[in-house]
Amino acid sequence: MICAIYRSSKKEGMYLYIEKREQFDAVPKALLRTFGKPQFSMLFNLKGDKQLKIAPNQKVLEAIKEQGFYLQAPPLPESLLNTEY
């Protein structure tokens, strides 16, 4: 499956994966308001040899099949309290 990936105009590091480009019907309106205007990033083959960096391709594929989209939140910042000196 080739999916379309969009980055958030409001939240740094947040990405939305959907099955077809410009087809946001399955994405809840509240999520789109928080996400901001989706900015097209790329098309990606979830069944290809390349792997996504943050989530396993299979997990993204299953989410798109089940709910119509996958939301990738930005990684949590490393806490300075956990840093060893």
N, C-alpha and C. Protein backbone atom coordinates (compact mmCIF):
# COMPACT_ATOMS: atom_id res chain seq x y z
N MET A 1 0.84 -1.18 0.00
CA MET A 1 0.00 0.00 0.00
C MET A 1 0.88 1.25 0.00
N ILE A 2 0.57 2.14 -0.88
CA ILE A 2 1.25 3.43 -0.90
C ILE A 2 0.38 4.42 -0.14
N CYS A 3 0.96 5.08 0.85
CA CYS A 3 0.20 6.05 1.64
C CYS A 3 0.76 7.45 1.40
N ALA A 4 -0.05 8.42 1.75
CA ALA A 4 0.37 9.82 1.66
C ALA A 4 0.72 10.30 3.07
N ILE A 5 1.82 11.01 3.19
CA ILE A 5 2.28 11.50 4.48
C ILE A 5 2.23 13.03 4.47
N TYR A 6 1.62 13.58 5.52
CA TYR A 6 1.48 15.03 5.67
C TYR A 6 2.11 15.45 6.99
N ARG A 7 2.77 16.60 6.99
CA ARG A 7 3.30 17.14 8.24
C ARG A 7 2.35 18.22 8.74
N SER A 8 2.36 18.41 10.03
CA SER A 8 1.49 19.38 10.67
C SER A 8 2.02 20.79 10.49
N SER A 9 1.10 21.73 10.27
CA SER A 9 1.50 23.14 10.19
C SER A 9 1.55 23.77 11.58
N LYS A 10 1.05 23.06 12.59
CA LYS A 10 1.00 23.60 13.95
C LYS A 10 1.94 22.91 14.93
N LYS A 11 2.17 21.63 14.74
CA LYS A 11 2.94 20.84 15.71
C LYS A 11 4.20 20.28 15.06
N GLU A 12 5.34 20.74 15.51
CA GLU A 12 6.64 20.28 15.01
C GLU A 12 6.78 18.77 15.23
N GLY A 13 7.15 18.04 14.19
CA GLY A 13 7.39 16.61 14.31
C GLY A 13 6.16 15.74 14.27
N MET A 14 4.99 16.32 14.02
CA MET A 14 3.75 15.53 13.94
C MET A 14 3.42 15.28 12.48
N TYR A 15 3.11 14.01 12.18
CA TYR A 15 2.81 13.60 10.81
C TYR A 15 1.53 12.78 10.77
N LEU A 16 0.81 12.90 9.67
CA LEU A 16 -0.43 12.18 9.45
C LEU A 16 -0.27 11.31 8.20
N TYR A 17 -0.57 10.03 8.33
CA TYR A 17 -0.48 9.07 7.24
C TYR A 17 -1.90 8.69 6.83
N ILE A 18 -2.23 8.82 5.56
CA ILE A 18 -3.54 8.43 5.06
C ILE A 18 -3.38 7.59 3.79
N GLU A 19 -4.44 6.86 3.45
CA GLU A 19 -4.34 5.93 2.32
C GLU A 19 -4.23 6.64 0.98
N LYS A 20 -5.00 7.69 0.78
CA LYS A 20 -4.99 8.38 -0.51
C LYS A 20 -4.75 9.87 -0.31
N ARG A 21 -3.99 10.43 -1.20
CA ARG A 21 -3.64 11.85 -1.14
C ARG A 21 -4.90 12.72 -1.15
N GLU A 22 -4.93 13.69 -0.25
CA GLU A 22 -6.02 14.67 -0.13
C GLU A 22 -7.36 14.05 0.29
N GLN A 23 -7.35 12.85 0.86
CA GLN A 23 -8.57 12.18 1.32
C GLN A 23 -8.56 12.13 2.84
N PHE A 24 -9.10 13.17 3.47
CA PHE A 24 -9.06 13.29 4.93
C PHE A 24 -10.39 12.93 5.59
N ASP A 25 -11.29 12.27 4.87
CA ASP A 25 -12.62 11.96 5.39
C ASP A 25 -12.59 11.15 6.69
N ALA A 26 -11.65 10.22 6.83
CA ALA A 26 -11.58 9.35 8.01
C ALA A 26 -10.95 10.04 9.22
N VAL A 27 -10.30 11.17 9.01
CA VAL A 27 -9.62 11.86 10.11
C VAL A 27 -10.63 12.73 10.86
N PRO A 28 -10.73 12.54 12.19
CA PRO A 28 -11.68 13.35 12.96
C PRO A 28 -11.42 14.85 12.80
N LYS A 29 -12.49 15.62 12.74
CA LYS A 29 -12.38 17.08 12.56
C LYS A 29 -11.57 17.72 13.68
N ALA A 30 -11.77 17.24 14.91
CA ALA A 30 -11.03 17.80 16.05
C ALA A 30 -9.53 17.59 15.88
N LEU A 31 -9.15 16.44 15.37
CA LEU A 31 -7.74 16.16 15.13
C LEU A 31 -7.18 17.08 14.05
N LEU A 32 -7.94 17.28 13.00
CA LEU A 32 -7.49 18.17 11.92
C LEU A 32 -7.33 19.61 12.41
N ARG A 33 -8.21 20.04 13.33
CA ARG A 33 -8.08 21.40 13.89
C ARG A 33 -6.78 21.53 14.68
N THR A 34 -6.47 20.51 15.47
CA THR A 34 -5.24 20.51 16.26
C THR A 34 -4.01 20.38 15.37
N PHE A 35 -4.13 19.56 14.33
CA PHE A 35 -3.03 19.29 13.40
C PHE A 35 -2.70 20.50 12.55
N GLY A 36 -3.72 21.29 12.23
CA GLY A 36 -3.52 22.44 11.35
C GLY A 36 -3.63 22.02 9.89
N LYS A 37 -3.32 22.93 9.00
CA LYS A 37 -3.42 22.64 7.56
C LYS A 37 -2.36 21.59 7.20
N PRO A 38 -2.80 20.41 6.74
CA PRO A 38 -1.84 19.37 6.37
C PRO A 38 -0.95 19.82 5.20
N GLN A 39 0.35 19.64 5.37
CA GLN A 39 1.31 20.00 4.34
C GLN A 39 1.88 18.70 3.76
N PHE A 40 1.60 18.46 2.47
CA PHE A 40 2.04 17.21 1.85
C PHE A 40 3.55 17.07 1.95
N SER A 41 3.97 15.88 2.38
CA SER A 41 5.39 15.60 2.53
C SER A 41 5.87 14.62 1.45
N MET A 42 5.21 13.45 1.36
CA MET A 42 5.64 12.45 0.38
C MET A 42 4.65 11.30 0.29
N LEU A 43 4.83 10.47 -0.73
CA LEU A 43 4.15 9.19 -0.83
C LEU A 43 5.14 8.13 -0.36
N PHE A 44 4.63 7.11 0.32
CA PHE A 44 5.52 6.08 0.87
C PHE A 44 4.89 4.71 0.71
N ASN A 45 5.67 3.74 0.23
CA ASN A 45 5.19 2.37 0.06
C ASN A 45 5.39 1.60 1.36
N LEU A 46 4.30 1.35 2.08
CA LEU A 46 4.38 0.65 3.36
C LEU A 46 4.75 -0.82 3.21
N LYS A 47 4.58 -1.38 2.03
CA LYS A 47 4.93 -2.79 1.80
C LYS A 47 6.27 -2.93 1.08
N GLY A 48 6.97 -1.84 0.89
CA GLY A 48 8.27 -1.87 0.24
C GLY A 48 9.38 -2.26 1.19
N ASP A 49 10.61 -2.18 0.72
CA ASP A 49 11.78 -2.56 1.51
C ASP A 49 12.19 -1.51 2.53
N LYS A 50 11.90 -0.24 2.26
CA LYS A 50 12.28 0.84 3.19
C LYS A 50 11.38 0.82 4.41
N GLN A 51 11.97 1.09 5.57
CA GLN A 51 11.23 1.12 6.82
C GLN A 51 11.13 2.56 7.32
N LEU A 52 10.00 2.86 7.95
CA LEU A 52 9.84 4.17 8.59
C LEU A 52 10.76 4.23 9.81
N LYS A 53 11.11 5.44 10.24
CA LYS A 53 12.03 5.59 11.37
C LYS A 53 11.34 5.45 12.72
N ILE A 54 10.14 5.99 12.85
CA ILE A 54 9.48 6.06 14.15
C ILE A 54 8.63 4.83 14.46
N ALA A 55 7.83 4.38 13.51
CA ALA A 55 6.91 3.26 13.74
C ALA A 55 7.13 2.17 12.70
N PRO A 56 6.88 0.92 13.09
CA PRO A 56 7.00 -0.16 12.11
C PRO A 56 5.96 0.00 10.99
N ASN A 57 6.36 -0.28 9.77
CA ASN A 57 5.46 -0.15 8.62
C ASN A 57 4.15 -0.90 8.85
N GLN A 58 4.24 -2.11 9.41
CA GLN A 58 3.04 -2.93 9.62
C GLN A 58 2.06 -2.25 10.57
N LYS A 59 2.56 -1.61 11.60
CA LYS A 59 1.69 -0.90 12.56
C LYS A 59 0.95 0.24 11.87
N VAL A 60 1.64 0.99 11.04
CA VAL A 60 1.03 2.11 10.30
C VAL A 60 -0.01 1.57 9.32
N LEU A 61 0.33 0.50 8.63
CA LEU A 61 -0.58 -0.12 7.67
C LEU A 61 -1.86 -0.59 8.35
N GLU A 62 -1.74 -1.25 9.50
CA GLU A 62 -2.91 -1.73 10.23
C GLU A 62 -3.78 -0.57 10.71
N ALA A 63 -3.16 0.50 11.20
CA ALA A 63 -3.93 1.65 11.66
C ALA A 63 -4.70 2.29 10.52
N ILE A 64 -4.08 2.40 9.36
CA ILE A 64 -4.76 3.00 8.20
C ILE A 64 -5.94 2.12 7.78
N LYS A 65 -5.74 0.80 7.79
CA LYS A 65 -6.83 -0.11 7.42
C LYS A 65 -7.97 -0.06 8.42
N GLU A 66 -7.65 0.03 9.73
CA GLU A 66 -8.66 -0.01 10.78
C GLU A 66 -9.38 1.31 10.97
N GLN A 67 -8.63 2.42 11.00
CA GLN A 67 -9.26 3.70 11.32
C GLN A 67 -9.15 4.74 10.22
N GLY A 68 -8.43 4.42 9.16
CA GLY A 68 -8.35 5.33 8.02
C GLY A 68 -7.18 6.29 8.06
N PHE A 69 -6.40 6.27 9.14
CA PHE A 69 -5.25 7.16 9.26
C PHE A 69 -4.32 6.65 10.35
N TYR A 70 -3.10 7.18 10.37
CA TYR A 70 -2.14 6.94 11.45
C TYR A 70 -1.55 8.29 11.81
N LEU A 71 -1.52 8.61 13.09
CA LEU A 71 -0.94 9.87 13.55
C LEU A 71 0.39 9.59 14.23
N GLN A 72 1.43 10.22 13.74
CA GLN A 72 2.76 10.10 14.35
C GLN A 72 3.02 11.35 15.17
N ALA A 73 3.11 11.18 16.48
CA ALA A 73 3.39 12.30 17.37
C ALA A 73 4.90 12.50 17.44
N PRO A 74 5.33 13.71 17.76
CA PRO A 74 6.78 13.95 17.88
C PRO A 74 7.35 13.17 19.05
N PRO A 75 8.60 12.73 18.94
CA PRO A 75 9.22 12.02 20.06
C PRO A 75 9.32 12.95 21.27
N LEU A 76 9.21 12.36 22.45
CA LEU A 76 9.33 13.15 23.67
C LEU A 76 10.76 13.65 23.82
N PRO A 77 10.93 14.89 24.28
CA PRO A 77 12.30 15.39 24.47
C PRO A 77 12.97 14.63 25.61
N GLU A 78 14.26 14.44 25.46
CA GLU A 78 15.01 13.75 26.51
C GLU A 78 15.06 14.64 27.74
N SER A 79 14.72 14.07 28.86
CA SER A 79 14.70 14.83 30.10
C SER A 79 16.12 15.06 30.60
N LEU A 80 16.39 16.27 31.02
CA LEU A 80 17.70 16.58 31.60
C LEU A 80 17.90 15.86 32.93
N LEU A 81 16.79 15.49 33.57
CA LEU A 81 16.89 14.77 34.84
C LEU A 81 17.43 13.35 34.63
N ASN A 82 17.24 12.80 33.44
CA ASN A 82 17.71 11.45 33.16
C ASN A 82 19.13 11.43 32.60
N THR A 83 19.71 12.58 32.39
CA THR A 83 21.05 12.67 31.81
C THR A 83 22.10 12.41 32.89
N GLU A 84 23.03 11.52 32.58
CA GLU A 84 24.12 11.25 33.51
C GLU A 84 25.28 12.18 33.21
N TYR A 85 25.90 12.66 34.24
CA TYR A 85 27.05 13.56 34.09
C TYR A 85 28.31 12.88 34.52
